[in-house]
Structures are given as structure tokens and as C-alpha cells.
Protein backbone atom coordinates (compact mmCIF):
# COMPACT_ATOMS: atom_id res chain seq x y z
CA MET A 1 73.31 105.12 123.04
CA PRO A 2 72.82 101.04 122.88
CA VAL A 3 75.77 98.92 122.42
CA PHE A 4 75.58 96.01 120.57
CA GLN A 5 77.70 92.78 120.20
CA TYR A 6 77.96 91.22 116.54
CA THR A 7 79.22 88.36 114.82
CA ALA A 8 79.57 88.69 111.01
CA LYS A 9 81.44 87.09 108.02
CA THR A 10 83.90 89.08 105.59
CA GLN A 11 83.80 88.83 102.18
CA SER A 12 86.58 86.18 102.17
CA GLY A 13 84.60 83.91 104.38
CA LYS A 14 86.40 84.91 107.85
CA ILE A 15 84.24 85.37 111.01
CA ALA A 16 84.63 88.49 112.53
CA GLN A 17 83.32 89.77 116.39
CA GLY A 18 83.14 92.99 117.84
CA GLN A 19 81.32 95.50 119.60
CA ALA A 20 79.71 98.58 118.24
CA GLU A 21 77.14 101.52 119.37
CA ALA A 22 73.93 102.21 117.18
CA VAL A 23 70.40 103.71 117.44
CA ASP A 24 69.24 99.98 116.99
CA GLU A 25 69.98 96.80 115.40
CA GLN A 26 68.88 97.27 111.90
CA ILE A 27 71.28 100.51 111.62
CA LEU A 28 74.07 98.43 112.90
CA ARG A 29 73.36 95.73 110.17
CA GLN A 30 73.23 98.40 107.54
CA LYS A 31 76.77 99.97 109.04
CA LEU A 32 78.19 96.58 108.95
CA GLN A 33 77.05 95.51 105.26
CA ALA A 34 78.32 99.21 104.19
CA GLN A 35 81.96 98.08 105.36
CA GLY A 36 81.61 94.95 103.65
CA TYR A 37 80.71 92.56 106.63
CA PHE A 38 77.80 90.30 106.72
CA PRO A 39 76.20 89.98 110.12
CA THR A 40 74.93 86.62 111.20
CA GLU A 41 74.23 87.60 115.02
CA VAL A 42 73.77 90.89 116.63
CA LYS A 43 73.30 91.05 120.51
CA LEU A 44 72.10 93.88 122.78
CA LEU A 45 74.50 94.50 125.81
CA THR A 46 73.27 95.63 128.88
CA GLY A 47 74.50 96.43 132.47
CA ARG A 48 78.07 96.19 133.29
CA ALA A 49 79.01 94.50 129.94
CA ALA A 50 77.39 97.69 127.97
CA ALA A 51 79.21 100.46 130.39
CA LYS A 52 82.51 98.31 129.93
CA ALA A 53 82.16 98.45 126.13
CA LYS A 54 81.14 102.17 125.89
CA ALA A 55 84.45 102.91 128.16
CA ALA A 56 86.31 100.99 125.44
CA GLN A 57 84.75 102.56 122.52
CA SER A 58 85.46 106.19 124.11
CA MET A 59 89.08 105.52 123.74
CA ALA A 60 88.62 104.69 119.89
CA GLY A 61 86.69 107.40 118.85
CA GLY A 62 83.43 105.55 119.08
CA GLN A 63 84.14 102.17 118.19
CA ALA A 64 85.66 99.34 119.85
CA PRO A 65 89.39 99.41 119.78
CA PRO A 66 91.18 97.51 117.08
CA LYS A 67 93.50 94.66 117.69
CA LYS A 68 97.15 96.45 117.96
CA ARG A 69 99.93 94.81 115.96
CA PHE A 70 103.65 95.38 116.17
CA SER A 71 104.63 97.24 113.13
CA PHE A 72 107.88 99.02 112.51
CA GLY A 73 109.49 101.76 110.38
CA LYS A 74 107.78 103.94 108.19
CA VAL A 75 105.41 103.62 105.18
CA LYS A 76 107.06 103.58 101.78
CA ALA A 77 106.27 106.08 99.28
CA LYS A 78 105.48 102.95 96.82
CA ASP A 79 103.01 101.59 99.08
CA LEU A 80 101.45 105.19 99.83
CA ALA A 81 101.12 105.62 95.74
CA VAL A 82 99.35 102.17 95.61
CA PHE A 83 97.15 103.04 98.27
CA CYS A 84 96.23 106.49 96.29
CA ARG A 85 95.77 104.60 93.09
CA GLN A 86 93.36 102.02 94.45
CA PHE A 87 91.38 104.98 96.36
CA SER A 88 90.99 106.81 93.44
CA THR A 89 89.72 104.01 91.28
CA MET A 90 87.38 102.93 93.70
CA MET A 91 86.09 106.59 94.44
CA ASN A 92 85.63 107.04 90.90
CA ALA A 93 83.47 104.22 90.62
CA GLY A 94 81.31 105.27 93.31
CA VAL A 95 82.18 103.17 95.95
CA SER A 96 81.59 104.82 99.63
CA LEU A 97 84.16 106.06 101.69
CA ILE A 98 83.71 103.66 104.41
CA ARG A 99 83.73 100.89 102.01
CA CYS A 100 87.17 102.39 100.12
CA LEU A 101 88.89 102.23 103.49
CA THR A 102 87.62 98.72 104.34
CA VAL A 103 89.15 97.41 101.16
CA LEU A 104 92.36 99.32 101.30
CA GLU A 105 92.84 98.16 104.74
CA GLN A 106 92.41 94.51 103.63
CA GLN A 107 94.67 94.59 100.35
CA ALA A 108 97.44 96.84 102.14
CA ALA A 109 100.74 94.95 101.80
CA SER A 110 102.69 97.10 104.67
CA PRO A 111 101.43 95.85 108.19
CA LYS A 112 102.24 99.83 109.03
CA LEU A 113 99.77 101.21 106.53
CA LYS A 114 97.20 98.45 107.33
CA ASP A 115 97.02 99.65 110.93
CA ILE A 116 96.88 103.30 109.74
CA VAL A 117 93.99 102.55 107.30
CA ARG A 118 92.08 100.93 109.96
CA ASP A 119 92.40 103.60 112.46
CA LEU A 120 91.32 106.20 109.45
CA GLN A 121 88.12 104.10 108.97
CA VAL A 122 87.26 104.36 112.88
CA GLN A 123 87.87 108.10 112.83
CA VAL A 124 85.90 108.71 109.57
CA GLU A 125 83.01 106.23 110.82
CA ALA A 126 83.00 108.84 114.07
CA GLY A 127 82.19 111.41 112.18
CA GLU A 128 85.76 113.06 111.31
CA SER A 129 86.68 114.29 107.94
CA LEU A 130 89.36 112.12 106.06
CA SER A 131 92.15 114.58 105.98
CA LYS A 132 91.83 115.31 109.49
CA ALA A 133 91.97 111.71 110.43
CA MET A 134 94.97 111.70 108.13
CA MET A 135 96.67 114.54 110.24
CA ARG A 136 96.62 111.94 113.11
CA HIS A 137 99.59 109.93 111.35
CA PRO A 138 102.09 112.76 110.07
CA LYS A 139 104.86 110.22 109.56
CA ALA A 140 102.79 108.40 106.71
CA PHE A 141 100.62 111.61 105.39
CA ASN A 142 102.72 114.99 105.34
CA ASN A 143 101.13 118.38 104.55
CA LEU A 144 100.84 117.57 100.91
CA PHE A 145 98.98 114.58 101.40
CA VAL A 146 96.62 116.35 103.64
CA GLY A 147 96.21 119.56 102.02
CA LEU A 148 95.54 117.78 98.50
CA VAL A 149 92.68 115.59 100.42
CA ARG A 150 91.35 118.40 102.07
CA ALA A 151 90.93 120.54 98.81
CA GLY A 152 89.29 117.23 97.28
CA GLU A 153 86.82 117.02 100.15
CA VAL A 154 86.09 121.04 99.81
CA GLY A 155 85.60 120.82 96.08
CA GLY A 156 83.79 117.48 95.89
CA VAL A 157 86.63 116.01 93.60
CA MET A 158 88.16 113.39 95.58
CA ASP A 159 88.61 111.08 93.07
CA GLU A 160 90.37 113.66 90.58
CA THR A 161 92.59 114.86 93.50
CA LEU A 162 93.59 111.24 94.64
CA ASP A 163 94.40 110.61 91.02
CA ARG A 164 96.83 113.81 90.77
CA LEU A 165 98.36 112.62 94.37
CA ALA A 166 99.06 109.28 92.92
CA THR A 167 100.51 110.28 89.67
CA PHE A 168 102.69 112.68 91.81
CA LEU A 169 103.90 109.82 94.31
CA GLU A 170 104.58 107.49 91.31
CA ASP A 171 106.73 109.99 89.61
CA ASP A 172 108.32 110.68 93.00
CA VAL A 173 109.08 107.01 93.36
CA GLU A 174 110.45 106.63 90.00
CA LEU A 175 112.64 109.55 90.43
CA ARG A 176 114.23 107.98 93.82
CA ARG A 177 114.39 104.61 92.06
CA LYS A 178 116.47 106.04 89.35
CA ILE A 179 118.58 107.94 91.74
CA LYS A 180 119.31 104.41 93.80
CA ALA A 181 119.74 102.47 90.84
CA ALA A 182 122.36 104.99 89.06
CA MET A 183 124.35 105.05 92.96
CA THR A 184 124.22 101.35 93.59
CA TYR A 185 127.36 100.39 91.28
CA PRO A 186 129.48 103.24 92.71
CA VAL A 187 128.58 102.64 96.49
CA LEU A 188 129.26 98.86 95.92
CA VAL A 189 132.72 99.60 94.28
CA VAL A 190 133.58 102.14 97.25
CA VAL A 191 132.56 99.33 99.79
CA ALA A 192 134.85 96.65 98.08
CA ALA A 193 137.47 99.27 97.67
CA PHE A 194 137.43 99.84 101.41
CA GLY A 195 137.26 96.35 102.08
CA ILE A 196 140.21 95.31 100.22
CA VAL A 197 142.44 97.84 101.23
CA THR A 198 141.46 97.54 104.87
CA GLY A 199 142.05 93.76 104.48
CA LEU A 200 145.83 94.34 102.68
CA MET A 201 146.82 96.84 105.25
CA THR A 202 145.85 95.30 108.37
CA PHE A 203 146.60 91.60 107.63
CA ILE A 204 148.56 91.12 104.64
CA LEU A 205 150.86 93.73 105.06
CA PRO A 206 152.01 93.28 108.54
CA LYS A 207 153.00 89.65 107.94
CA PHE A 208 154.72 90.38 104.72
CA LEU A 209 156.98 93.12 106.32
CA GLN A 210 157.85 91.04 109.18
CA ILE A 211 159.16 88.22 106.78
CA ILE A 212 161.04 90.94 105.14
CA ALA A 213 162.45 92.06 108.69
CA ASP A 214 163.42 88.49 109.83
CA LEU A 215 165.53 88.39 106.42
CA GLU A 216 167.68 91.44 108.35
CA VAL A 217 166.23 94.19 105.90
CA THR A 218 166.02 97.49 107.67
CA ASP A 219 166.39 100.20 104.91
CA PHE A 220 163.09 100.22 103.77
CA PRO A 221 162.33 102.70 100.78
CA ALA A 222 160.10 105.58 101.41
CA ALA A 223 156.88 104.24 100.00
CA THR A 224 157.32 101.13 102.10
CA LEU A 225 157.85 103.07 105.16
CA LEU A 226 154.76 105.37 104.42
CA LEU A 227 152.47 102.40 103.76
CA GLN A 228 154.06 100.79 106.90
CA ASN A 229 152.88 103.87 109.33
CA ILE A 230 149.23 103.70 107.66
CA SER A 231 149.25 100.04 108.48
CA ASN A 232 150.47 100.77 112.18
CA PHE A 233 148.26 103.58 112.51
CA MET A 234 145.11 101.51 111.46
CA LEU A 235 145.76 98.63 113.30
CA GLU A 236 146.31 100.90 116.65
CA TRP A 237 142.88 102.64 116.25
CA MET A 238 140.86 100.12 114.53
CA PHE A 239 141.66 97.26 116.55
CA LYS A 240 143.84 97.83 119.73
CA LYS A 241 142.06 101.05 120.55
CA PHE A 242 138.78 99.94 119.13
CA TYR A 243 137.40 101.16 122.69
CA LEU A 244 138.21 104.67 121.94
CA THR A 245 137.95 104.71 118.38
CA TRP A 246 134.35 103.60 117.69
CA PRO A 247 132.73 105.75 120.50
CA ILE A 248 134.60 108.69 119.05
CA LEU A 249 133.43 108.14 115.56
CA PHE A 250 129.63 107.41 116.82
CA GLY A 251 129.95 110.42 119.02
CA PHE A 252 131.20 112.67 116.06
CA LEU A 253 128.21 111.45 113.68
CA TYR A 254 125.54 111.94 116.64
CA VAL A 255 126.95 115.62 117.51
CA PHE A 256 126.86 116.25 113.61
CA ARG A 257 123.27 114.85 113.21
CA LYS A 258 122.00 116.98 116.09
CA TRP A 259 123.97 120.24 114.57
CA ALA A 260 122.44 119.37 111.01
CA SER A 261 118.94 118.88 112.38
CA THR A 262 118.93 122.48 114.09
CA ARG A 263 117.80 125.53 112.05
CA SER A 264 120.98 127.21 111.35
CA GLY A 265 123.06 123.84 111.07
CA LYS A 266 120.54 122.71 108.59
CA ARG A 267 120.55 125.64 106.27
CA ILE A 268 124.51 125.77 106.37
CA TRP A 269 124.99 121.89 105.78
CA HIS A 270 122.25 122.14 102.79
CA PHE A 271 123.92 125.21 101.24
CA ILE A 272 127.40 123.14 101.29
CA LYS A 273 125.57 120.34 99.60
CA LEU A 274 124.49 122.89 96.95
CA LYS A 275 127.82 123.98 96.58
CA MET A 276 129.35 120.49 96.20
CA PRO A 277 130.95 119.70 92.95
CA VAL A 278 128.90 117.64 90.49
CA PHE A 279 126.68 116.59 93.34
CA GLY A 280 125.56 120.10 94.00
CA GLY A 281 123.96 120.82 90.58
CA LEU A 282 122.45 117.21 90.74
CA GLY A 283 120.84 117.95 94.17
CA LEU A 284 119.67 121.41 92.90
CA LYS A 285 117.86 120.02 89.98
CA ILE A 286 116.02 117.23 92.07
CA SER A 287 114.86 120.16 94.25
CA LEU A 288 113.70 122.36 91.53
CA SER A 289 111.86 119.26 89.76
CA ARG A 290 110.05 118.45 93.23
CA PHE A 291 109.21 122.05 93.86
CA ALA A 292 107.76 122.55 90.40
CA ARG A 293 106.14 119.14 90.52
CA THR A 294 104.55 119.75 93.96
CA LEU A 295 103.36 123.40 93.38
CA ALA A 296 101.83 122.43 90.15
CA THR A 297 99.91 119.48 91.84
CA MET A 298 98.50 121.66 94.62
CA LEU A 299 97.18 124.46 92.27
CA ARG A 300 95.91 121.96 89.93
CA SER A 301 93.81 120.57 92.71
CA GLY A 302 92.57 123.91 93.93
CA VAL A 303 94.96 124.67 96.79
CA PRO A 304 95.12 128.52 97.46
CA VAL A 305 98.53 129.66 96.12
CA LEU A 306 99.77 130.57 99.87
CA SER A 307 98.82 127.62 101.16
CA ALA A 308 100.33 125.62 98.20
CA MET A 309 103.83 127.15 98.62
CA GLU A 310 103.90 126.89 102.45
CA THR A 311 103.32 122.93 101.95
CA THR A 312 105.82 122.96 98.82
CA ALA A 313 108.47 124.56 101.19
CA GLY A 314 108.19 121.47 103.44
CA THR A 315 108.22 119.11 100.90
CA VAL A 316 111.33 120.19 99.35
CA ASP A 317 114.29 118.51 101.02
CA ASN A 318 116.80 121.45 101.18
CA ALA A 319 116.55 124.26 103.77
CA VAL A 320 118.10 126.75 101.39
CA ILE A 321 115.48 126.20 98.48
CA SER A 322 112.57 126.01 101.23
CA GLY A 323 113.77 129.40 102.51
CA ALA A 324 113.72 130.70 99.09
CA ILE A 325 109.98 129.70 98.54
CA LEU A 326 108.93 130.80 101.90
CA SER A 327 110.19 134.60 100.92
CA ALA A 328 108.37 134.37 97.58
CA ARG A 329 105.43 133.56 99.67
CA ALA A 330 105.72 136.60 101.86
CA ALA A 331 106.12 138.56 98.93
CA ILE A 332 103.02 137.22 97.25
CA ARG A 333 101.20 138.11 100.49
CA GLU A 334 102.52 141.68 100.07
CA GLY A 335 101.21 141.62 96.67
CA GLU A 336 104.16 141.03 94.62
CA VAL A 337 104.48 138.23 91.81
CA MET A 338 105.99 134.98 92.65
CA ALA A 339 108.81 135.10 89.83
CA LYS A 340 110.77 138.16 91.27
CA PRO A 341 111.49 137.03 94.55
CA LEU A 342 112.55 133.75 93.18
CA GLU A 343 114.81 135.57 90.87
CA GLN A 344 116.54 137.27 93.40
CA SER A 345 117.14 134.24 95.68
CA GLY A 346 119.94 133.34 93.01
CA TRP A 347 118.92 129.56 93.34
CA PHE A 348 116.43 129.47 90.62
CA PRO A 349 117.75 129.40 87.03
CA PRO A 350 116.37 132.31 84.40
CA MET A 351 114.41 129.37 82.54
CA VAL A 352 112.40 128.70 85.49
CA VAL A 353 111.81 132.26 86.57
CA GLN A 354 110.62 133.16 83.06
CA MET A 355 108.27 130.01 83.03
CA ILE A 356 106.75 131.24 86.31
CA ALA A 357 106.35 134.59 85.00
CA ILE A 358 104.45 133.64 81.71
CA GLY A 359 102.27 131.47 83.79
CA GLU A 360 101.32 133.83 86.14
CA GLU A 361 100.61 136.31 83.27
CA THR A 362 98.68 133.89 81.37
CA GLY A 363 96.69 132.28 84.31
CA ALA A 364 98.23 129.08 83.39
CA LEU A 365 100.87 128.82 86.20
CA ASP A 366 100.15 124.93 86.81
CA GLN A 367 100.88 124.20 83.33
CA MET A 368 104.03 126.04 83.15
CA LEU A 369 105.28 124.35 86.58
CA GLU A 370 104.24 120.88 85.19
CA LYS A 371 106.60 121.67 81.96
CA VAL A 372 109.33 122.78 84.31
CA ALA A 373 108.95 119.62 86.32
CA ASP A 374 109.11 117.49 83.07
CA PHE A 375 112.33 119.20 82.12
CA TYR A 376 114.20 118.85 85.07
CA GLU A 377 113.31 115.17 85.70
CA GLY A 378 114.72 114.65 82.35
CA GLU A 379 117.68 116.88 83.24
CA VAL A 380 118.08 114.54 86.52
CA GLU A 381 117.91 111.29 84.68
CA SER A 382 120.51 112.42 82.08
CA ALA A 383 122.93 113.82 84.83
CA LEU A 384 122.55 110.54 86.42
CA GLU A 385 123.33 108.56 83.43
CA SER A 386 126.29 110.73 82.77
CA LEU A 387 127.51 110.57 86.42
CA THR A 388 127.25 106.73 86.30
CA ALA A 389 129.29 106.36 83.53
CA ALA A 390 131.94 108.62 84.80
CA LEU A 391 132.25 107.21 88.00
CA GLU A 392 132.38 103.53 87.12
CA PRO A 393 136.00 103.86 85.23
CA ILE A 394 137.46 106.32 87.58
CA LEU A 395 136.42 104.26 90.69
CA ILE A 396 137.98 101.09 88.83
CA VAL A 397 140.99 103.39 88.10
CA VAL A 398 141.51 104.76 91.62
CA LEU A 399 141.06 101.42 93.24
CA GLY A 400 143.65 99.93 90.82
CA ALA A 401 145.96 102.83 91.64
CA ILE A 402 145.60 102.33 95.26
CA VAL A 403 146.22 98.49 95.14
CA GLY A 404 149.02 98.61 92.73
CA PHE A 405 150.97 101.20 95.04
CA ILE A 406 150.40 98.51 98.03
CA VAL A 407 151.86 95.92 95.89
CA ILE A 408 154.94 97.72 94.49
CA ALA A 409 155.50 99.32 98.00
CA MET A 410 155.23 95.58 99.79
CA PHE A 411 157.74 94.14 96.91
CA MET A 412 160.28 97.28 96.60
CA PRO A 413 162.45 95.87 99.90
CA LEU A 414 162.20 92.23 98.47
CA VAL A 415 163.52 93.66 94.92
CA ALA A 416 166.27 95.42 97.05
CA LEU A 417 167.16 92.42 98.73
CA MET A 418 167.34 90.33 95.81
CA GLU A 419 169.89 93.04 94.00
CA GLY A 420 172.13 93.26 96.97
CA LEU A 421 172.21 89.35 97.01
CA ALA A 422 172.98 89.63 93.07
CA GLY A 423 175.63 92.26 93.55
């Protein structure tokens, strides 16, 4: 196929240059206009220039490779939610897929997402489906994302599917925001408490004890001796032997992360998290909410129940709950209903099981799951408010008790000295 070099203007008036294959010049001009470009010059390449352009295009699926930019990190869920909402709006308005991707690439605030959308455009123009192109970027588009887009492509309802996906992502972002907001204050208090205690134990206390020792006070109370031993231990291992302490600490964390990433280790660790006081119940409610919302979204989009459950198991961030979902999936494949194996797992409350059973009997499973998701999202919000309200005074009291103990233990030898002088 002939290769052309073109010069075109973007909608913002910028000049863009590139190379592309097309049957003839007219087809290329139409293709560029569909992407939002206004070609000003199109030139046919021949000989070595054409061969070089084709070789470059073959590496990018039929188009000249886009400029690579340095972009780091993951695509944020908030950026993906905005991406889906804008995508859905344009698809609903009848804008072509290629034009949608062009506009989304220009509007993307995240450099990482901008590069990914540009690659999606290249792959779609080369003849791939959007869902298949998204599979090339698993860190940005998980199985849920790809599965829903594929269902939208098959059913011809891409705008509705993207709208549901945008709603799902927005709800997920809002839930994460509430969790972070609730945990921000307790984390700040803990960090401040650690800094204050460390400063007192490693800087103030040793100097104070040295002053008391210079006054020839050797008979320290038990509380002061305990404080002195803790201070000496911290000074020894945090500062004098830091070359041993920090490698051991980071080595332990590395080994733990490796163990927790294995199949058995992840299951054990997630089981422990579910059994933790207070936080275990909160984590279970979050997992149940995500399970119900994800499965409802996929079923409503026309995804088969077995595929939907497999994808849902991958999006629930707990190996124990994922295992229960996959066990229910295997039971469904054998002809059983969903509610029974979920009940037998012991992790799904009776209310959830009964709502699922009613949904299966009435053929309104997606609606029942939506109600379950709404209920548990409310429960999570209520639990977070209660937890925050309880943690704030507890942390303040604990910090006050620790600092108070340190101060009293520091001044007890001084008080004993003054009593001795008075006597």
C-alpha cells in the first residue's frame, strides 16, 4: 500500500506532521479529517523513503509510531472515571470511535493515560477491536474494564456500557476518598506521636539523665530505669547500629511482601486481616460492597454469569472472598444456584445470601445486587464515621499517657533529690 507524508493542522491550530499508509491521497485526507486533523499537504513517498516509513509503521501496527514520552506510575481511578464519562457522552452523541479517542487523547490530564489512549487509537485504526487494544494495557484496564467494553461491542450498546462503567468507577473513587479522609487524621496523630516520643527518648531524656547523674543521683526509681533502658536501646539500634537495623527492617518487609504475594501467603494474610478486631469487619463490608457492585454492573451489561463471577473474583481485593466467589462459580457450572455455595463459605451474611437467592428466583439478580451494594456502601460510610469518632480521642489519650509517663519518670529522680536535700 502506498505511503504518504502529510502536514495537517489540529483543531487548536497546531501543525502536525506524520506518515501513514492509504489506498490513495483522498482516502488519507478523509481518514485524517475523521481524526480531527485538517490536512494542508499530502505527499507520496517513493523508493528508500517509502521502505523506511513502512518498516517504522510495521512496528506500530500500521502507523508511524507516536513520540514516546516519559510517564511514570499508574493511571488513577479518578482519571479513568473521567475518561469513561467523556467517552460515553461522545459515543451517545454519535461521534465515531476514532474521533472519540482523538479527543480523549487531547483532553487527558494524565501523561500516562494520554500515551495509552494514543496507542489505543493506533491499534483501532489498524483493525483491532477496542477491547483487544485495551488488553495491551492491563495496568490501566483490568479484566472488569475489558469485559464490559467487550460486552458493549458485542451488544452494540457501547455508550450504555461506558456509562455504567463510569458510574461504577465514580462510586469506587468516592468510596476510596471516604476511606482516605477517615484515616488521614488518625495516621497524622500516630506519625506525630511517634516523632514526639522518639525525640523525647533519644534527645531530651539522655541529656536530662546526664544532668541528674552529675548531681550524683544513682538510685533511680523503677519507672526511670525502664525509660533509661528503652532510651539506650533506641539509641543503640536506631543510630549507632543503623547499618544493621535498617537492612534488617527492610529485609523483613521485603520477605513479608514476597510471602504475602504467594498464593498461600496471600490467603493466610487476607484471612488474618478479616479476623482483625474492628478493621476486619470494615474490610469485609468493603469486599462485599465491591463484589455486589461489580457483579451487578457486569450482569446488567450482558456479560454471562460465569465470566462475570470470574472477573468479579479478580476485582475483590481479598483472596479469601475471591476464593469463595470462584467456588460459587464452579458450583454454578455444575448446575447449582449461586446463593448456596456463598452461604456455605461462611463469609457472606444471611442478608446477602437471601437477596441473591431472591434475585435468582425472580430473574432480577442485578437489581438485588445493586441494593446489596448500596446497603454495604452505607454501612462502610457509617463504620468509618464511628471509627474516626472513636479513634481520635483514643489516640489523644494514649499519646497523652505516653508523654505523661515519660515526663513523670524523668522528674521522679529530681523530686527524690529535692526531698533528700530538704530532709
